[in-house]
Amino acid sequence: MGRPRVALLSRDKIGAAALKLVSRDGDFTMPGLARELGVQVAAVYHHVPAGRSEVIEMVRVLVAQNIDDAAFDRLPWDEAFVVWTRSYLDAFSGHPAAVRLLATEPIRDPDLIAAYNPVAAGLSRAGFVDGEIIAVITAVENFVLGAALDASAPDLAAAADQDGIEPELRRALDAAPSGAARARQAFDLGVSALVAGLRARLP
């Protein structure tokens, strides 16, 4: 009689299961991840010896895999900036719960760190001084990650029916789009403002 079939475990399966748990629950534990995979905890550690921190990086790789950092290699910096930020938003808005987890953990994966090379090079070619490039990247990421959370946030329009709202705010609430259109309008406006503000800092 043959041996019972056991689902083969791999790093890809571990990462996908962890992302599923994070998207559903906002976080994961190693025992919970093992249960999701139908294996013992020791089997998970066999593939990810560093444990939780290593799995978090695997989740980050899955979420960030479609961010177009290379846009800075083929486009002027301001056009690349728009492509980069939109692809960044698309990547994280699909997993808003992952934003809270990943934003509080340092990036350790060498490939993810290297993905910032074309961004830094593009900003440097554009004329941004070395001492501001990381600040520019950080400001952008703060904005984009906030926008990713906003994409799943409720509309403000319901507040229009509440007492104490002045006419100006009521008109603004009534005129604002709703749902995904509201989030996209806010994001596009913010990106335009960032580009204009950054362009003004160039010599």
C-alpha atoms as a PDB file:
ATOM      1  CA  MET A   1       0.000   0.000   0.000  1.00  0.00           C
ATOM      2  CA  GLY A   2       1.416   3.380  -0.978  1.00  0.00           C
ATOM      3  CA  ARG A   3       2.185   6.206   1.398  1.00  0.00           C
ATOM      4  CA  PRO A   4      -0.669   8.666   2.045  1.00  0.00           C
ATOM      5  CA  ARG A   5      -0.611  11.741  -0.100  1.00  0.00           C
ATOM      6  CA  VAL A   6       0.737  14.813   1.663  1.00  0.00           C
ATOM      7  CA  ALA A   7       0.482  18.261   0.157  1.00  0.00           C
ATOM      8  CA  LEU A   8       3.958  19.388  -0.859  1.00  0.00           C
ATOM      9  CA  LEU A   9       5.023  22.509   0.991  1.00  0.00           C
ATOM     10  CA  SER A  10       6.991  25.277  -0.683  1.00  0.00           C
ATOM     11  CA  ARG A  11       7.986  28.857  -0.021  1.00  0.00           C
ATOM     12  CA  ASP A  12       5.494  29.996  -2.649  1.00  0.00           C
ATOM     13  CA  LYS A  13       2.654  28.200  -0.874  1.00  0.00           C
ATOM     14  CA  ILE A  14       3.735  29.587   2.486  1.00  0.00           C
ATOM     15  CA  GLY A  15       3.850  33.140   1.164  1.00  0.00           C
ATOM     16  CA  ALA A  16       0.471  32.845  -0.548  1.00  0.00           C
ATOM     17  CA  ALA A  17      -1.140  31.389   2.579  1.00  0.00           C
ATOM     18  CA  ALA A  18       0.349  34.131   4.753  1.00  0.00           C
ATOM     19  CA  LEU A  19      -0.959  36.831   2.406  1.00  0.00           C
ATOM     20  CA  LYS A  20      -4.394  35.205   2.532  1.00  0.00           C
ATOM     21  CA  LEU A  21      -4.352  35.319   6.341  1.00  0.00           C
ATOM     22  CA  VAL A  22      -3.113  38.913   6.415  1.00  0.00           C
ATOM     23  CA  SER A  23      -5.787  39.998   3.932  1.00  0.00           C
ATOM     24  CA  ARG A  24      -8.466  38.253   5.975  1.00  0.00           C
ATOM     25  CA  ASP A  25      -7.301  38.827   9.551  1.00  0.00           C
ATOM     26  CA  GLY A  26      -4.803  41.684   9.335  1.00  0.00           C
ATOM     27  CA  ASP A  27      -1.938  39.548  10.641  1.00  0.00           C
ATOM     28  CA  PHE A  28      -0.796  35.969  11.065  1.00  0.00           C
ATOM     29  CA  THR A  29       0.927  33.692  13.553  1.00  0.00           C
ATOM     30  CA  MET A  30       3.227  30.846  12.691  1.00  0.00           C
ATOM     31  CA  PRO A  31       0.885  28.243  14.278  1.00  0.00           C
ATOM     32  CA  GLY A  32      -2.064  29.785  12.434  1.00  0.00           C
ATOM     33  CA  LEU A  33      -0.120  29.714   9.187  1.00  0.00           C
ATOM     34  CA  ALA A  34       0.694  26.040   9.724  1.00  0.00           C
ATOM     35  CA  ARG A  35      -2.993  25.278  10.299  1.00  0.00           C
ATOM     36  CA  GLU A  36      -3.921  27.143   7.122  1.00  0.00           C
ATOM     37  CA  LEU A  37      -1.428  24.997   5.225  1.00  0.00           C
ATOM     38  CA  GLY A  38      -2.463  21.780   6.957  1.00  0.00           C
ATOM     39  CA  VAL A  39       1.024  21.035   8.267  1.00  0.00           C
ATOM     40  CA  GLN A  40       2.975  21.099  11.512  1.00  0.00           C
ATOM     41  CA  VAL A  41       4.710  24.332  12.515  1.00  0.00           C
ATOM     42  CA  ALA A  42       8.078  22.609  12.212  1.00  0.00           C
ATOM     43  CA  ALA A  43       7.397  21.975   8.529  1.00  0.00           C
ATOM     44  CA  VAL A  44       6.913  25.696   7.936  1.00  0.00           C
ATOM     45  CA  TYR A  45      10.144  26.540   9.769  1.00  0.00           C
ATOM     46  CA  HIS A  46      11.961  24.009   7.602  1.00  0.00           C
ATOM     47  CA  HIS A  47      11.280  26.279   4.611  1.00  0.00           C
ATOM     48  CA  VAL A  48      11.523  29.614   6.455  1.00  0.00           C
ATOM     49  CA  PRO A  49      14.182  29.191   9.176  1.00  0.00           C
ATOM     50  CA  ALA A  50      13.973  32.859  10.212  1.00  0.00           C
ATOM     51  CA  GLY A  51      10.283  32.431  10.966  1.00  0.00           C
ATOM     52  CA  ARG A  52       7.820  35.297  11.046  1.00  0.00           C
ATOM     53  CA  SER A  53      10.168  38.019   9.780  1.00  0.00           C
ATOM     54  CA  GLU A  54      11.025  35.912   6.736  1.00  0.00           C
ATOM     55  CA  VAL A  55       7.371  35.194   6.002  1.00  0.00           C
ATOM     56  CA  ILE A  56       6.549  38.901   6.246  1.00  0.00           C
ATOM     57  CA  GLU A  57       9.146  39.583   3.560  1.00  0.00           C
ATOM     58  CA  MET A  58       7.578  36.885   1.399  1.00  0.00           C
ATOM     59  CA  VAL A  59       4.236  38.639   1.779  1.00  0.00           C
ATOM     60  CA  ARG A  60       5.873  41.951   0.860  1.00  0.00           C
ATOM     61  CA  VAL A  61       7.368  40.418  -2.290  1.00  0.00           C
ATOM     62  CA  LEU A  62       3.961  39.109  -3.368  1.00  0.00           C
ATOM     63  CA  VAL A  63       2.232  42.436  -2.785  1.00  0.00           C
ATOM     64  CA  ALA A  64       4.955  44.556  -4.377  1.00  0.00           C
ATOM     65  CA  GLN A  65       5.773  42.372  -7.371  1.00  0.00           C
ATOM     66  CA  ASN A  66       3.917  44.564  -9.893  1.00  0.00           C
ATOM     67  CA  ILE A  67       5.235  47.950  -8.752  1.00  0.00           C
ATOM     68  CA  ASP A  68       6.823  49.585 -11.799  1.00  0.00           C
ATOM     69  CA  ASP A  69      10.067  50.982 -10.374  1.00  0.00           C
ATOM     70  CA  ALA A  70      11.713  50.597 -13.781  1.00  0.00           C
ATOM     71  CA  ALA A  71       9.559  53.412 -15.178  1.00  0.00           C
ATOM     72  CA  PHE A  72      12.398  55.723 -14.142  1.00  0.00           C
ATOM     73  CA  ASP A  73      14.679  53.943 -16.629  1.00  0.00           C
ATOM     74  CA  ARG A  74      12.488  54.742 -19.631  1.00  0.00           C
ATOM     75  CA  LEU A  75      10.565  57.941 -18.874  1.00  0.00           C
ATOM     76  CA  PRO A  76      11.250  61.515 -17.709  1.00  0.00           C
ATOM     77  CA  TRP A  77      11.191  61.639 -13.922  1.00  0.00           C
ATOM     78  CA  ASP A  78       7.789  63.321 -13.597  1.00  0.00           C
ATOM     79  CA  GLU A  79       6.080  60.860 -15.960  1.00  0.00           C
ATOM     80  CA  ALA A  80       7.833  57.944 -14.271  1.00  0.00           C
ATOM     81  CA  PHE A  81       6.712  59.316 -10.923  1.00  0.00           C
ATOM     82  CA  VAL A  82       3.059  59.016 -11.957  1.00  0.00           C
ATOM     83  CA  VAL A  83       3.500  55.488 -13.345  1.00  0.00           C
ATOM     84  CA  TRP A  84       5.396  54.393 -10.223  1.00  0.00           C
ATOM     85  CA  THR A  85       2.901  55.816  -7.751  1.00  0.00           C
ATOM     86  CA  ARG A  86      -0.121  54.409  -9.597  1.00  0.00           C
ATOM     87  CA  SER A  87       1.397  50.933  -9.815  1.00  0.00           C
ATOM     88  CA  TYR A  88       2.320  51.220  -6.121  1.00  0.00           C
ATOM     89  CA  LEU A  89      -1.266  52.118  -5.252  1.00  0.00           C
ATOM     90  CA  ASP A  90      -2.681  49.300  -7.374  1.00  0.00           C
ATOM     91  CA  ALA A  91      -0.390  46.810  -5.643  1.00  0.00           C
ATOM     92  CA  PHE A  92      -1.309  47.797  -2.098  1.00  0.00           C
ATOM     93  CA  SER A  93      -4.943  48.838  -2.494  1.00  0.00           C
ATOM     94  CA  GLY A  94      -5.741  45.208  -3.240  1.00  0.00           C
ATOM     95  CA  HIS A  95      -4.361  44.267   0.171  1.00  0.00           C
ATOM     96  CA  PRO A  96      -5.137  47.152   2.552  1.00  0.00           C
ATOM     97  CA  ALA A  97      -4.692  44.979   5.640  1.00  0.00           C
ATOM     98  CA  ALA A  98      -1.145  44.234   4.524  1.00  0.00           C
ATOM     99  CA  VAL A  99      -0.323  47.954   4.601  1.00  0.00           C
ATOM    100  CA  ARG A 100      -0.593  48.060   8.381  1.00  0.00           C
ATOM    101  CA  LEU A 101       1.681  45.049   8.774  1.00  0.00           C
ATOM    102  CA  LEU A 102       4.302  45.872   6.155  1.00  0.00           C
ATOM    103  CA  ALA A 103       4.577  49.564   7.031  1.00  0.00           C
ATOM    104  CA  THR A 104       5.848  48.668  10.510  1.00  0.00           C
ATOM    105  CA  GLU A 105       8.421  46.098   9.389  1.00  0.00           C
ATOM    106  CA  PRO A 106      11.808  46.934   7.827  1.00  0.00           C
ATOM    107  CA  ILE A 107      12.505  45.815   4.264  1.00  0.00           C
ATOM    108  CA  ARG A 108      15.009  42.958   4.291  1.00  0.00           C
ATOM    109  CA  ASP A 109      14.682  41.338   0.874  1.00  0.00           C
ATOM    110  CA  PRO A 110      17.700  42.319  -1.296  1.00  0.00           C
ATOM    111  CA  ASP A 111      15.639  42.409  -4.493  1.00  0.00           C
ATOM    112  CA  LEU A 112      13.058  44.723  -2.931  1.00  0.00           C
ATOM    113  CA  ILE A 113      15.799  47.034  -1.703  1.00  0.00           C
ATOM    114  CA  ALA A 114      17.427  46.975  -5.151  1.00  0.00           C
ATOM    115  CA  ALA A 115      14.091  47.987  -6.692  1.00  0.00           C
ATOM    116  CA  TYR A 116      14.725  51.477  -5.301  1.00  0.00           C
ATOM    117  CA  ASN A 117      17.872  51.827  -7.444  1.00  0.00           C
ATOM    118  CA  PRO A 118      16.095  53.082 -10.588  1.00  0.00           C
ATOM    119  CA  VAL A 119      13.955  55.424  -8.485  1.00  0.00           C
ATOM    120  CA  ALA A 120      16.985  56.992  -6.814  1.00  0.00           C
ATOM    121  CA  ALA A 121      18.869  57.142 -10.119  1.00  0.00           C
ATOM    122  CA  GLY A 122      15.940  58.773 -11.901  1.00  0.00           C
ATOM    123  CA  LEU A 123      15.511  61.392  -9.203  1.00  0.00           C
ATOM    124  CA  SER A 124      19.252  62.061  -9.189  1.00  0.00           C
ATOM    125  CA  ARG A 125      19.305  62.555 -12.972  1.00  0.00           C
ATOM    126  CA  ALA A 126      16.391  64.952 -12.627  1.00  0.00           C
ATOM    127  CA  GLY A 127      18.487  67.136 -10.341  1.00  0.00           C
ATOM    128  CA  PHE A 128      17.313  66.260  -6.847  1.00  0.00           C
ATOM    129  CA  VAL A 129      20.145  66.569  -4.339  1.00  0.00           C
ATOM    130  CA  ASP A 130      21.403  63.422  -2.638  1.00  0.00           C
ATOM    131  CA  GLY A 131      20.266  64.615   0.782  1.00  0.00           C
ATOM    132  CA  GLU A 132      16.620  64.835  -0.332  1.00  0.00           C
ATOM    133  CA  ILE A 133      16.151  61.708  -2.448  1.00  0.00           C
ATOM    134  CA  ILE A 134      15.281  59.380   0.439  1.00  0.00           C
ATOM    135  CA  ALA A 135      12.964  62.056   1.825  1.00  0.00           C
ATOM    136  CA  VAL A 136      11.194  62.228  -1.550  1.00  0.00           C
ATOM    137  CA  ILE A 137      10.787  58.442  -1.661  1.00  0.00           C
ATOM    138  CA  THR A 138       9.531  58.362   1.933  1.00  0.00           C
ATOM    139  CA  ALA A 139       7.052  61.175   1.328  1.00  0.00           C
ATOM    140  CA  VAL A 140       5.707  59.359  -1.719  1.00  0.00           C
ATOM    141  CA  GLU A 141       5.371  56.055   0.118  1.00  0.00           C
ATOM    142  CA  ASN A 142       3.608  57.724   3.042  1.00  0.00           C
ATOM    143  CA  PHE A 143       1.119  59.242   0.620  1.00  0.00           C
ATOM    144  CA  VAL A 144       0.583  56.087  -1.447  1.00  0.00           C
ATOM    145  CA  LEU A 145       0.141  53.779   1.544  1.00  0.00           C
ATOM    146  CA  GLY A 146      -2.372  56.203   3.030  1.00  0.00           C
ATOM    147  CA  ALA A 147      -4.180  56.261  -0.305  1.00  0.00           C
ATOM    148  CA  ALA A 148      -4.241  52.453  -0.334  1.00  0.00           C
ATOM    149  CA  LEU A 149      -6.031  52.486   3.015  1.00  0.00           C
ATOM    150  CA  ASP A 150      -8.376  55.224   1.793  1.00  0.00           C
ATOM    151  CA  ALA A 151      -9.365  53.073  -1.182  1.00  0.00           C
ATOM    152  CA  SER A 152     -11.226  50.770   1.203  1.00  0.00           C
ATOM    153  CA  ALA A 153     -12.522  53.515   3.508  1.00  0.00           C
ATOM    154  CA  PRO A 154     -16.201  54.553   3.612  1.00  0.00           C
ATOM    155  CA  ASP A 155     -17.318  57.703   1.820  1.00  0.00           C
ATOM    156  CA  LEU A 156     -17.777  60.972   3.667  1.00  0.00           C
ATOM    157  CA  ALA A 157     -21.021  61.634   1.819  1.00  0.00           C
ATOM    158  CA  ALA A 158     -23.101  60.134   4.636  1.00  0.00           C
ATOM    159  CA  ALA A 159     -21.971  63.016   6.830  1.00  0.00           C
ATOM    160  CA  ALA A 160     -23.961  65.434   4.652  1.00  0.00           C
ATOM    161  CA  ASP A 161     -27.131  64.469   6.519  1.00  0.00           C
ATOM    162  CA  GLN A 162     -25.709  65.268   9.938  1.00  0.00           C
ATOM    163  CA  ASP A 163     -26.430  68.440  11.896  1.00  0.00           C
ATOM    164  CA  GLY A 164     -23.839  71.179  12.187  1.00  0.00           C
ATOM    165  CA  ILE A 165     -22.624  71.060   8.600  1.00  0.00           C
ATOM    166  CA  GLU A 166     -22.210  74.470   7.007  1.00  0.00           C
ATOM    167  CA  PRO A 167     -23.380  75.100   3.409  1.00  0.00           C
ATOM    168  CA  GLU A 168     -19.867  75.082   1.929  1.00  0.00           C
ATOM    169  CA  LEU A 169     -19.076  71.644   3.320  1.00  0.00           C
ATOM    170  CA  ARG A 170     -22.522  70.331   2.399  1.00  0.00           C
ATOM    171  CA  ARG A 171     -22.082  71.430  -1.223  1.00  0.00           C
ATOM    172  CA  ALA A 172     -18.622  69.879  -1.321  1.00  0.00           C
ATOM    173  CA  LEU A 173     -19.940  66.596   0.050  1.00  0.00           C
ATOM    174  CA  ASP A 174     -22.811  66.573  -2.422  1.00  0.00           C
ATOM    175  CA  ALA A 175     -20.485  67.298  -5.346  1.00  0.00           C
ATOM    176  CA  ALA A 176     -17.862  64.712  -4.431  1.00  0.00           C
ATOM    177  CA  PRO A 177     -17.797  61.395  -6.299  1.00  0.00           C
ATOM    178  CA  SER A 178     -18.307  58.218  -4.322  1.00  0.00           C
ATOM    179  CA  GLY A 179     -16.633  54.858  -3.954  1.00  0.00           C
ATOM    180  CA  ALA A 180     -13.630  54.073  -6.111  1.00  0.00           C
ATOM    181  CA  ALA A 181     -14.053  57.314  -8.082  1.00  0.00           C
ATOM    182  CA  ARG A 182     -13.682  59.355  -4.885  1.00  0.00           C
ATOM    183  CA  ALA A 183     -10.510  57.542  -3.893  1.00  0.00           C
ATOM    184  CA  ARG A 184      -9.029  57.836  -7.386  1.00  0.00           C
ATOM    185  CA  GLN A 185      -9.833  61.552  -7.615  1.00  0.00           C
ATOM    186  CA  ALA A 186      -8.108  62.191  -4.296  1.00  0.00           C
ATOM    187  CA  PHE A 187      -5.107  60.121  -5.333  1.00  0.00           C
ATOM    188  CA  ASP A 188      -4.709  61.794  -8.727  1.00  0.00           C
ATOM    189  CA  LEU A 189      -4.993  65.239  -7.161  1.00  0.00           C
ATOM    190  CA  GLY A 190      -2.391  64.306  -4.559  1.00  0.00           C
ATOM    191  CA  VAL A 191       0.032  62.944  -7.148  1.00  0.00           C
ATOM    192  CA  SER A 192      -0.337  66.097  -9.244  1.00  0.00           C
ATOM    193  CA  ALA A 193       0.352  68.236  -6.186  1.00  0.00           C
ATOM    194  CA  LEU A 194       3.395  66.143  -5.266  1.00  0.00           C
ATOM    195  CA  VAL A 195       4.839  66.382  -8.769  1.00  0.00           C
ATOM    196  CA  ALA A 196       4.262  70.141  -8.902  1.00  0.00           C
ATOM    197  CA  GLY A 197       5.784  70.645  -5.473  1.00  0.00           C
ATOM    198  CA  LEU A 198       8.802  68.477  -6.220  1.00  0.00           C
ATOM    199  CA  ARG A 199       9.333  70.131  -9.604  1.00  0.00           C
ATOM    200  CA  ALA A 200       9.451  73.491  -7.846  1.00  0.00           C
ATOM    201  CA  ARG A 201      12.364  72.256  -5.705  1.00  0.00           C
ATOM    202  CA  LEU A 202      14.569  71.540  -8.699  1.00  0.00           C
ATOM    203  CA  PRO A 203      17.230  74.108  -9.615  1.00  0.00           C
END
